[in-house]
Amino acid sequence: MTTARQLQGKELSYNNINDTDAAYECLAEFDAARTAACVIVKHANPCGVAEGADLVSAYRKALACDSTSAFGGIVALNRTLDAEAARAITEIFTEVIIAPDATEEAIAIVARGKICGCYWRAGCPIRARGPDRKDGRRRFAGAEPR
C-alpha cells in the first residue's frame, strides 16, 4: 500500500492489508487491456473473482459468487473506477476499494457510500503476471515482478 493514495476512511488494519494484498495478487492474473476484472476478498479468502466487458459487470459477477461473504470485504479492480461501478460497489458495505485510478464522479459517489477506506494506486498500474513469474508471496507495495 506504500504507493496508494488514500481518499477517505480510516487507516488499514493488519487484516485489511493482508486482504488487499491477496486481492491485488489475484487481480494480477487478469490483463486490463483484454478484460475488466474484479476480485472481492474477505479474511484472505476470495469471495468472488470475475471478468466482464466493463467493471460494473465484472463486479456484479464477482459479487454473485458469494454476496454474503463479500459484505465488508475488499474490492480490487484492474481498471479506472467509473461512476457506474462505484454506484454498484457502494450498494453494500465495503471495507476498501483499490483500483489504478478513479474518475471524479466515481470519487464523489464513493465519498457518499458505505466505504471505510478508499485507496487508488495512481501511477502504479496493475500488471498481469507473465507465465514465467515465480516470485513468492510479497507484501503489496507496488514492486515490479522479478
Protein backbone atom coordinates (compact mmCIF):
# COMPACT_ATOMS: atom_id res chain seq x y z
CA MET A 1 0.00 0.00 0.00
CA THR A 2 3.02 2.29 0.02
CA THR A 3 2.23 3.64 -3.46
CA ALA A 4 -1.51 4.01 -2.85
CA ARG A 5 -3.27 7.29 -2.24
CA GLN A 6 -5.99 7.21 0.41
CA LEU A 7 -9.04 9.29 -0.42
CA GLN A 8 -11.13 8.72 2.68
CA GLY A 9 -11.67 6.49 5.68
CA LYS A 10 -9.61 5.04 8.48
CA GLU A 11 -6.15 3.56 8.34
CA LEU A 12 -5.93 -0.02 7.17
CA SER A 13 -5.72 -2.74 9.79
CA TYR A 14 -3.31 -5.66 9.51
CA ASN A 15 -6.17 -7.83 8.17
CA ASN A 16 -7.12 -5.15 5.63
CA ILE A 17 -3.52 -5.08 4.38
CA ASN A 18 -3.43 -8.87 4.04
CA ASP A 19 -6.81 -8.93 2.28
CA THR A 20 -5.76 -6.12 -0.05
CA ASP A 21 -2.56 -7.97 -0.84
CA ALA A 22 -4.50 -11.17 -1.60
CA ALA A 23 -6.95 -9.30 -3.83
CA TYR A 24 -4.18 -7.48 -5.66
CA GLU A 25 -2.20 -10.68 -6.25
CA CYS A 26 -5.26 -12.45 -7.67
CA LEU A 27 -6.12 -9.45 -9.83
CA ALA A 28 -2.64 -9.60 -11.37
CA GLU A 29 -3.80 -12.71 -13.24
CA PHE A 30 -6.00 -10.53 -15.48
CA ASP A 31 -4.83 -8.27 -18.29
CA ALA A 32 -6.69 -4.95 -18.10
CA ALA A 33 -6.13 -4.37 -21.82
CA ARG A 34 -8.06 -7.57 -22.53
CA THR A 35 -10.86 -7.53 -19.96
CA ALA A 36 -12.21 -5.73 -16.92
CA ALA A 37 -11.74 -7.78 -13.75
CA CYS A 38 -12.87 -7.64 -10.14
CA VAL A 39 -11.70 -9.56 -7.09
CA ILE A 40 -13.53 -9.47 -3.76
CA VAL A 41 -11.64 -10.79 -0.72
CA LYS A 42 -12.53 -11.15 2.95
CA HIS A 43 -10.29 -12.70 5.60
CA ALA A 44 -7.71 -13.60 2.92
CA ASN A 45 -10.23 -15.73 1.01
CA PRO A 46 -11.68 -14.77 -2.34
CA CYS A 47 -15.46 -14.30 -2.16
CA GLY A 48 -15.71 -13.58 -5.84
CA VAL A 49 -13.49 -13.30 -8.90
CA ALA A 50 -14.85 -12.36 -12.28
CA GLU A 51 -14.19 -10.60 -15.54
CA GLY A 52 -16.57 -8.75 -17.78
CA ALA A 53 -16.94 -6.30 -20.62
CA ASP A 54 -16.78 -3.44 -18.11
CA LEU A 55 -16.11 -3.00 -14.39
CA VAL A 56 -19.75 -2.99 -13.28
CA SER A 57 -20.45 -6.32 -14.99
CA ALA A 58 -17.23 -7.82 -13.58
CA TYR A 59 -18.17 -6.55 -10.09
CA ARG A 60 -21.74 -7.90 -10.28
CA LYS A 61 -20.46 -11.32 -11.39
CA ALA A 62 -17.86 -11.38 -8.60
CA LEU A 63 -20.47 -10.33 -6.04
CA ALA A 64 -22.84 -13.07 -7.23
CA CYS A 65 -20.24 -15.72 -6.29
CA ASP A 66 -20.82 -15.14 -2.54
CA SER A 67 -22.65 -11.91 -1.73
CA THR A 68 -22.92 -12.75 1.97
CA SER A 69 -19.16 -13.11 2.49
CA ALA A 70 -18.47 -10.07 0.30
CA PHE A 71 -20.12 -7.79 2.87
CA GLY A 72 -17.33 -5.77 4.47
CA GLY A 73 -14.72 -7.12 2.07
CA ILE A 74 -12.01 -5.67 -0.14
CA VAL A 75 -12.88 -4.89 -3.77
CA ALA A 76 -9.96 -4.76 -6.21
CA LEU A 77 -10.40 -3.57 -9.79
CA ASN A 78 -7.96 -3.65 -12.68
CA ARG A 79 -9.24 -0.54 -14.46
CA THR A 80 -10.13 3.04 -13.54
CA LEU A 81 -13.18 3.06 -11.28
CA ASP A 82 -16.06 4.71 -13.14
CA ALA A 83 -19.37 6.07 -11.83
CA GLU A 84 -21.46 3.04 -12.78
CA ALA A 85 -19.15 0.62 -10.97
CA ALA A 86 -18.88 2.99 -7.98
CA ARG A 87 -22.68 3.04 -7.64
CA ALA A 88 -22.84 -0.75 -7.68
CA ILE A 89 -19.98 -1.21 -5.19
CA THR A 90 -21.47 1.27 -2.72
CA GLU A 91 -24.77 -0.62 -2.57
CA ILE A 92 -23.26 -2.77 0.19
CA PHE A 93 -20.72 -2.04 2.93
CA THR A 94 -17.21 -2.39 1.53
CA GLU A 95 -14.07 -2.08 3.65
CA VAL A 96 -11.68 -0.96 0.89
CA ILE A 97 -11.75 -0.29 -2.85
CA ILE A 98 -8.43 -0.50 -4.65
CA ALA A 99 -8.08 0.50 -8.31
CA PRO A 100 -5.46 2.01 -10.60
CA ASP A 101 -7.41 5.28 -10.61
CA ALA A 102 -10.94 6.73 -10.37
CA THR A 103 -12.98 9.33 -12.21
CA GLU A 104 -14.04 12.44 -10.30
CA GLU A 105 -17.67 11.29 -10.48
CA ALA A 106 -16.76 7.89 -9.03
CA ILE A 107 -14.83 9.56 -6.19
CA ALA A 108 -17.89 11.67 -5.33
CA ILE A 109 -20.15 8.58 -5.34
CA VAL A 110 -17.78 6.59 -3.13
CA ALA A 111 -17.49 9.52 -0.70
CA ARG A 112 -21.27 9.26 -0.11
CA GLY A 113 -21.30 5.45 0.06
CA LYS A 114 -20.76 2.71 2.64
CA ILE A 115 -16.99 2.52 2.34
CA CYS A 116 -14.46 2.61 5.19
CA GLY A 117 -11.36 3.25 3.14
CA CYS A 118 -10.66 4.04 -0.49
CA TYR A 119 -7.22 3.64 -1.97
CA TRP A 120 -6.14 4.35 -5.51
CA ARG A 121 -2.85 3.19 -6.91
CA ALA A 122 -2.31 6.17 -9.16
CA GLY A 123 0.96 5.95 -11.03
CA CYS A 124 1.33 2.20 -10.47
CA PRO A 125 -0.87 0.20 -12.84
CA ILE A 126 -1.82 -3.37 -12.10
CA ARG A 127 0.18 -5.63 -14.38
CA ALA A 128 -0.85 -9.07 -15.49
CA ARG A 129 1.51 -11.84 -14.48
CA GLY A 130 3.64 -13.48 -17.08
CA PRO A 131 3.66 -17.27 -17.43
CA ASP A 132 7.24 -17.43 -16.10
CA ARG A 133 6.62 -15.44 -12.91
CA LYS A 134 7.75 -17.49 -9.95
CA ASP A 135 8.20 -14.98 -7.16
CA GLY A 136 6.91 -15.84 -3.69
CA ARG A 137 4.30 -14.03 -1.66
CA ARG A 138 5.23 -10.42 -1.17
CA ARG A 139 3.51 -7.53 0.55
CA PHE A 140 1.51 -5.20 -1.64
CA ALA A 141 3.94 -2.35 -2.24
CA GLY A 142 3.83 -1.65 -5.95
CA ALA A 143 7.05 -3.55 -6.61
CA GLU A 144 7.82 -4.75 -10.09
CA PRO A 145 7.81 -8.55 -10.54
CA ARG A 146 11.31 -10.01 -10.63
